[in-house]
Amino acid sequence: MKKILFSLIATSAMFYSVNAQTTSYSFETSEGFSVADILGQKSNVNTFLDTEVSVAGVAAVSSERASSGVNSVKITNSDEMLQSGIYITSLPAYAKTTFSCDVFVPEFGGSDNLIALFTTDGGLANVNFNYQGNVRVANFSTSLYETVATYTANTWYNLRVDIDFPAKQVKYYLNNTLIQTATTTRTGTTLEELDFIIDNFGSDAYFDNVQFRDTSTLATSEVSKKDMFRVYPNPTVDVVNFEVAGKINSVEVYDAAGKLVKTANDGAKSINVSALSKGNYVVKVKTEDASYTKKVIKK
């Protein structure tokens, strides 16, 4: 797995679709994935355990939880005190790239959970959702991590990294809030690899909804507006709120079997799910320009 196993590392993603400026990876069965070990499901997605590659039992496509659709990728703690995860190659070559993914850490006190991006000459971006609830960004000039935000266990978070290769600038966002701006000395001008990794200290991690967007011709504010979609609180007891760009045309809630169980009127910014049974649901929000889905847990 080349340089990745010997520095600040991590893994990758799943469903493959391309439109004019976006490459997306998810884990849905409709996109060629099955709920099973991820090893061997895609030629450009592989697993690792410490210095070994193509190791079974490291990660799987899971239907236990998801931020979009019904599946995500789960990296399973092995209790071997080694780094493990998945990595993906054959990434899109955009001069200005916005990368994003959703991260779910079930509990604190266990593993560190990392997302890393690499160019041809080494690490470009590395974020650690650590075991104490801190979001830490790697400083490659000092080989140290800097704490830039905090997060809560048992909750989905969106990580976004805006990369401007010509300007050698990298910006980090958590739930669309800027948390760090950095410069890079890397000479590589395109992304080569994406890693998701845990360090196997007692807990699993889930990753979903991975996207690479070509932002060469878009202003940062425009990218932020188009990509914004937030559902909260999640898990919830009664009400689910939405933050999304544009007017909401419809809101639909589906149960785990795919049955429509709840709808909301046009323009709704929330929906009451208090009457629904405890469990996992998928919320689908349609605007005038796009359609968004998120998995919601009803307590």
Protein backbone atom coordinates (compact mmCIF):
# COMPACT_ATOMS: atom_id res chain seq x y z
CA MET A 1 0.00 0.00 0.00
CA LYS A 2 3.00 2.28 -0.62
CA LYS A 3 3.78 5.17 1.74
CA ILE A 4 0.48 5.14 3.59
CA LEU A 5 1.25 2.48 6.17
CA PHE A 6 4.32 4.35 7.33
CA SER A 7 2.85 7.76 8.20
CA LEU A 8 -0.49 9.24 9.30
CA ILE A 9 -3.03 6.96 7.64
CA ALA A 10 -6.61 5.81 6.97
CA THR A 11 -9.15 4.49 4.29
CA SER A 12 -11.96 4.73 1.76
CA ALA A 13 -15.27 4.37 0.05
CA MET A 14 -17.87 2.74 -2.06
CA PHE A 15 -20.65 3.45 -4.61
CA TYR A 16 -19.32 4.95 -7.81
CA SER A 17 -21.20 7.55 -9.83
CA VAL A 18 -19.99 10.50 -11.86
CA ASN A 19 -21.78 13.60 -13.07
CA ALA A 20 -20.31 16.73 -14.62
CA GLN A 21 -18.18 17.69 -11.61
CA THR A 22 -18.68 15.11 -8.87
CA THR A 23 -17.39 11.61 -8.17
CA SER A 24 -19.28 9.85 -5.37
CA TYR A 25 -18.72 6.68 -3.38
CA SER A 26 -21.39 5.01 -1.24
CA PHE A 27 -22.09 1.45 -0.13
CA GLU A 28 -25.57 0.64 -1.42
CA THR A 29 -26.49 -2.74 -2.87
CA SER A 30 -28.00 -0.96 -5.86
CA GLU A 31 -24.52 0.31 -6.69
CA GLY A 32 -22.80 -3.06 -6.71
CA PHE A 33 -22.05 -3.61 -3.02
CA SER A 34 -23.32 -6.37 -0.78
CA VAL A 35 -23.66 -6.40 2.99
CA ALA A 36 -20.53 -8.46 3.58
CA ASP A 37 -16.76 -8.17 3.93
CA ILE A 38 -15.59 -5.30 1.72
CA LEU A 39 -12.49 -7.21 0.58
CA GLY A 40 -12.76 -8.13 -3.09
CA GLN A 41 -15.95 -6.18 -3.80
CA LYS A 42 -14.22 -3.44 -5.84
CA SER A 43 -10.85 -3.58 -7.61
CA ASN A 44 -9.71 -0.17 -6.34
CA VAL A 45 -10.82 -0.72 -2.73
CA ASN A 46 -8.55 -2.77 -0.48
CA THR A 47 -8.05 -3.49 3.22
CA PHE A 48 -5.00 -3.45 5.46
CA LEU A 49 -3.96 -4.52 8.95
CA ASP A 50 -0.71 -2.89 10.04
CA THR A 51 1.71 -3.67 7.15
CA GLU A 52 -0.41 -6.45 5.61
CA VAL A 53 -2.81 -5.72 2.76
CA SER A 54 -5.85 -7.63 1.48
CA VAL A 55 -6.79 -8.84 4.96
CA ALA A 56 -10.26 -10.34 5.48
CA GLY A 57 -12.38 -9.31 8.46
CA VAL A 58 -11.05 -5.74 8.68
CA ALA A 59 -14.02 -3.88 7.20
CA ALA A 60 -17.47 -4.65 5.83
CA VAL A 61 -20.42 -3.02 4.13
CA SER A 62 -22.91 -2.72 6.98
CA SER A 63 -26.64 -2.03 7.23
CA GLU A 64 -26.39 -1.23 10.96
CA ARG A 65 -26.39 2.52 10.29
CA ALA A 66 -25.87 5.02 7.47
CA SER A 67 -25.89 8.76 6.90
CA SER A 68 -27.19 8.37 3.35
CA GLY A 69 -29.21 5.43 2.07
CA VAL A 70 -29.19 2.33 4.27
CA ASN A 71 -25.56 1.12 4.22
CA SER A 72 -22.17 2.40 5.31
CA VAL A 73 -18.69 0.91 5.61
CA LYS A 74 -17.76 -0.37 9.06
CA ILE A 75 -14.15 -0.78 10.15
CA THR A 76 -14.17 -3.38 12.89
CA ASN A 77 -11.94 -3.27 15.95
CA SER A 78 -9.62 -6.27 15.99
CA ASP A 79 -8.19 -5.83 19.52
CA GLU A 80 -4.72 -6.39 18.05
CA MET A 81 -3.50 -2.86 18.87
CA LEU A 82 -2.63 -2.32 15.20
CA GLN A 83 -3.81 0.18 12.63
CA SER A 84 -6.36 -1.22 10.20
CA GLY A 85 -8.80 0.01 7.60
CA ILE A 86 -9.45 0.39 3.92
CA TYR A 87 -7.92 2.47 1.15
CA ILE A 88 -9.11 3.54 -2.27
CA THR A 89 -7.10 4.48 -5.34
CA SER A 90 -7.97 5.80 -8.84
CA LEU A 91 -9.22 9.11 -7.48
CA PRO A 92 -10.39 11.95 -9.75
CA ALA A 93 -7.78 14.48 -10.89
CA TYR A 94 -9.19 17.91 -10.08
CA ALA A 95 -6.92 20.96 -9.66
CA LYS A 96 -9.34 22.31 -7.06
CA THR A 97 -11.11 19.53 -5.17
CA THR A 98 -13.70 19.44 -2.43
CA PHE A 99 -13.64 16.11 -0.59
CA SER A 100 -16.32 15.21 1.94
CA CYS A 101 -17.47 12.20 3.94
CA ASP A 102 -19.65 11.35 6.92
CA VAL A 103 -18.13 9.87 10.09
CA PHE A 104 -19.82 7.99 12.96
CA VAL A 105 -17.92 7.05 16.14
CA PRO A 106 -20.14 4.91 18.41
CA GLU A 107 -18.34 5.61 21.68
CA PHE A 108 -15.43 7.41 23.33
CA GLY A 109 -12.55 5.73 25.16
CA GLY A 110 -11.74 3.36 22.30
CA SER A 111 -10.02 3.81 18.96
CA ASP A 112 -8.73 6.88 17.19
CA ASN A 113 -10.46 7.23 13.81
CA LEU A 114 -8.67 8.84 10.89
CA ILE A 115 -9.32 10.07 7.36
CA ALA A 116 -6.27 10.73 5.17
CA LEU A 117 -5.67 12.03 1.64
CA PHE A 118 -2.41 11.52 -0.26
CA THR A 119 -0.71 12.98 -3.32
CA THR A 120 2.14 11.33 -5.23
CA ASP A 121 4.71 12.64 -2.73
CA GLY A 122 2.97 12.00 0.58
CA GLY A 123 0.24 13.04 2.97
CA LEU A 124 -1.83 16.08 2.05
CA ALA A 125 -4.62 16.04 4.65
CA ASN A 126 -5.19 13.94 7.75
CA VAL A 127 -8.00 14.30 10.30
CA ASN A 128 -8.34 12.31 13.51
CA PHE A 129 -11.66 11.93 15.32
CA ASN A 130 -9.87 10.80 18.45
CA TYR A 131 -11.00 8.64 21.36
CA GLN A 132 -11.55 11.65 23.65
CA GLY A 133 -13.98 13.54 21.40
CA ASN A 134 -11.47 15.89 19.79
CA VAL A 135 -11.17 16.57 16.07
CA ARG A 136 -7.47 16.90 15.30
CA VAL A 137 -5.77 17.94 12.06
CA ALA A 138 -2.25 16.80 11.21
CA ASN A 139 0.48 19.38 10.68
CA PHE A 140 2.86 17.63 8.30
CA SER A 141 5.66 20.14 8.85
CA THR A 142 5.85 19.25 12.55
CA SER A 143 4.41 15.68 12.39
CA LEU A 144 1.98 16.69 15.17
CA TYR A 145 -1.80 16.92 15.42
CA GLU A 146 -3.59 20.15 16.35
CA THR A 147 -6.99 20.03 18.07
CA VAL A 148 -9.37 22.26 16.09
CA ALA A 149 -12.87 21.13 17.18
CA THR A 150 -14.81 18.64 19.29
CA TYR A 151 -17.46 16.06 18.42
CA THR A 152 -20.03 13.86 20.16
CA ALA A 153 -20.09 10.06 20.07
CA ASN A 154 -23.03 8.19 18.53
CA THR A 155 -23.71 11.02 16.05
CA TRP A 156 -23.01 11.45 12.34
CA TYR A 157 -20.63 14.28 11.37
CA ASN A 158 -19.74 15.63 7.95
CA LEU A 159 -16.07 16.34 7.25
CA ARG A 160 -15.20 18.49 4.25
CA VAL A 161 -11.74 19.31 2.91
CA ASP A 162 -11.32 22.01 0.24
CA ILE A 163 -8.04 21.52 -1.65
CA ASP A 164 -6.56 24.18 -3.91
CA PHE A 165 -3.49 22.60 -5.51
CA PRO A 166 -2.29 25.72 -7.41
CA ALA A 167 -2.51 27.85 -4.24
CA LYS A 168 -1.22 24.99 -2.04
CA GLN A 169 -4.05 25.64 0.41
CA VAL A 170 -6.18 23.15 2.36
CA LYS A 171 -9.30 24.13 4.32
CA TYR A 172 -11.12 21.84 6.75
CA TYR A 173 -14.83 22.06 7.63
CA LEU A 174 -16.91 20.18 10.22
CA ASN A 175 -20.66 20.28 9.49
CA ASN A 176 -19.95 23.17 7.09
CA THR A 177 -18.10 25.22 9.75
CA LEU A 178 -14.50 26.16 8.93
CA ILE A 179 -12.21 24.64 11.58
CA GLN A 180 -8.72 24.95 10.05
CA THR A 181 -6.83 26.54 7.16
CA ALA A 182 -3.42 25.15 6.23
CA THR A 183 -0.77 25.34 3.53
CA THR A 184 1.01 22.39 1.97
CA THR A 185 4.51 21.93 0.59
CA ARG A 186 3.56 18.84 -1.43
CA THR A 187 4.54 18.98 -5.09
CA GLY A 188 1.82 16.57 -6.21
CA THR A 189 -1.04 18.23 -8.07
CA THR A 190 -3.73 15.53 -7.82
CA LEU A 191 -5.04 13.12 -5.21
CA GLU A 192 -3.67 9.57 -5.37
CA GLU A 193 -5.26 7.78 -2.43
CA LEU A 194 -7.90 8.08 0.30
CA ASP A 195 -7.67 6.08 3.53
CA PHE A 196 -10.02 5.44 6.46
CA ILE A 197 -8.34 3.89 9.51
CA ILE A 198 -8.80 3.00 13.18
CA ASP A 199 -6.01 2.10 15.59
CA ASN A 200 -7.83 -0.84 17.20
CA PHE A 201 -8.05 0.25 20.80
CA GLY A 202 -11.50 -1.12 21.49
CA SER A 203 -14.16 0.46 19.24
CA ASP A 204 -15.43 0.37 15.65
CA ALA A 205 -16.08 3.28 13.24
CA TYR A 206 -18.44 3.93 10.32
CA PHE A 207 -17.90 6.02 7.18
CA ASP A 208 -20.39 6.97 4.47
CA ASN A 209 -21.41 9.40 1.72
CA VAL A 210 -17.95 10.05 0.23
CA GLN A 211 -17.70 12.70 -2.49
CA PHE A 212 -15.05 14.37 -4.62
CA ARG A 213 -16.25 17.57 -6.30
CA ASP A 214 -14.40 19.51 -9.00
CA THR A 215 -14.47 23.10 -7.71
CA SER A 216 -12.08 24.63 -10.24
CA THR A 217 -14.82 26.88 -11.64
CA LEU A 218 -16.92 27.36 -8.49
CA ALA A 219 -16.52 29.85 -5.68
CA THR A 220 -16.14 28.35 -2.20
CA SER A 221 -19.37 29.96 -1.01
CA GLU A 222 -21.25 28.37 -3.91
CA VAL A 223 -19.83 24.94 -3.14
CA SER A 224 -20.78 25.29 0.52
CA LYS A 225 -24.33 26.27 -0.36
CA LYS A 226 -24.86 23.41 -2.81
CA ASP A 227 -23.40 20.78 -0.49
CA MET A 228 -25.18 21.89 2.68
CA PHE A 229 -27.58 19.34 4.14
CA ARG A 230 -27.88 18.72 7.86
CA VAL A 231 -30.33 16.63 9.88
CA TYR A 232 -30.47 17.06 13.65
CA PRO A 233 -30.77 15.90 16.35
CA ASN A 234 -29.73 12.40 15.36
CA PRO A 235 -30.61 10.18 17.21
CA THR A 236 -33.92 11.87 18.02
CA VAL A 237 -36.91 11.31 20.30
CA ASP A 238 -39.56 13.45 18.65
CA VAL A 239 -38.61 16.11 16.08
CA VAL A 240 -36.09 16.01 13.22
CA ASN A 241 -34.91 19.38 11.88
CA PHE A 242 -33.38 20.12 8.47
CA GLU A 243 -30.81 22.57 7.17
CA VAL A 244 -30.62 22.56 3.39
CA ALA A 245 -29.97 24.99 0.55
CA GLY A 246 -33.11 25.99 -1.32
CA LYS A 247 -36.84 25.62 -0.75
CA ILE A 248 -37.96 22.19 0.49
CA ASN A 249 -40.62 20.67 -1.78
CA SER A 250 -41.24 17.47 0.16
CA VAL A 251 -40.11 15.42 3.15
CA GLU A 252 -40.60 11.65 3.34
CA VAL A 253 -39.68 9.16 6.05
CA TYR A 254 -39.15 5.47 5.24
CA ASP A 255 -38.78 2.58 7.66
CA ALA A 256 -36.05 -0.08 7.44
CA ALA A 257 -38.19 -2.14 5.05
CA GLY A 258 -38.52 0.80 2.64
CA LYS A 259 -42.15 1.61 3.50
CA LEU A 260 -43.22 5.26 3.48
CA VAL A 261 -44.39 6.00 7.04
CA LYS A 262 -44.45 9.81 7.31
CA THR A 263 -44.58 12.91 5.11
CA ALA A 264 -44.39 16.67 5.68
CA ASN A 265 -45.83 19.63 3.78
CA ASP A 266 -43.93 21.74 1.27
CA GLY A 267 -41.54 24.18 2.90
CA ALA A 268 -41.25 22.15 6.12
CA LYS A 269 -38.03 22.63 8.06
CA SER A 270 -38.79 19.77 10.48
CA ILE A 271 -40.90 16.66 10.90
CA ASN A 272 -42.37 15.08 14.05
CA VAL A 273 -41.55 11.37 14.40
CA SER A 274 -42.65 10.90 18.02
CA ALA A 275 -45.40 8.46 17.00
CA LEU A 276 -42.98 6.16 15.18
CA SER A 277 -41.51 3.06 16.80
CA LYS A 278 -37.90 3.02 17.92
CA GLY A 279 -35.50 2.04 15.16
CA ASN A 280 -33.73 3.18 12.01
CA TYR A 281 -35.41 5.33 9.36
CA VAL A 282 -34.39 7.07 6.14
CA VAL A 283 -35.42 10.71 5.69
CA LYS A 284 -35.67 11.93 2.09
CA VAL A 285 -35.77 15.68 1.48
CA LYS A 286 -36.43 17.08 -1.98
CA THR A 287 -35.70 20.69 -2.91
CA GLU A 288 -36.21 22.53 -6.18
CA ASP A 289 -32.68 21.58 -7.27
CA ALA A 290 -31.71 18.34 -5.55
CA SER A 291 -32.71 15.33 -3.46
CA TYR A 292 -31.03 14.34 -0.18
CA THR A 293 -31.27 11.29 2.06
CA LYS A 294 -30.07 10.68 5.59
CA LYS A 295 -30.47 7.81 8.00
CA VAL A 296 -32.12 8.84 11.29
CA ILE A 297 -32.28 6.86 14.49
CA LYS A 298 -35.55 7.15 16.47
CA LYS A 299 -35.02 6.50 20.17
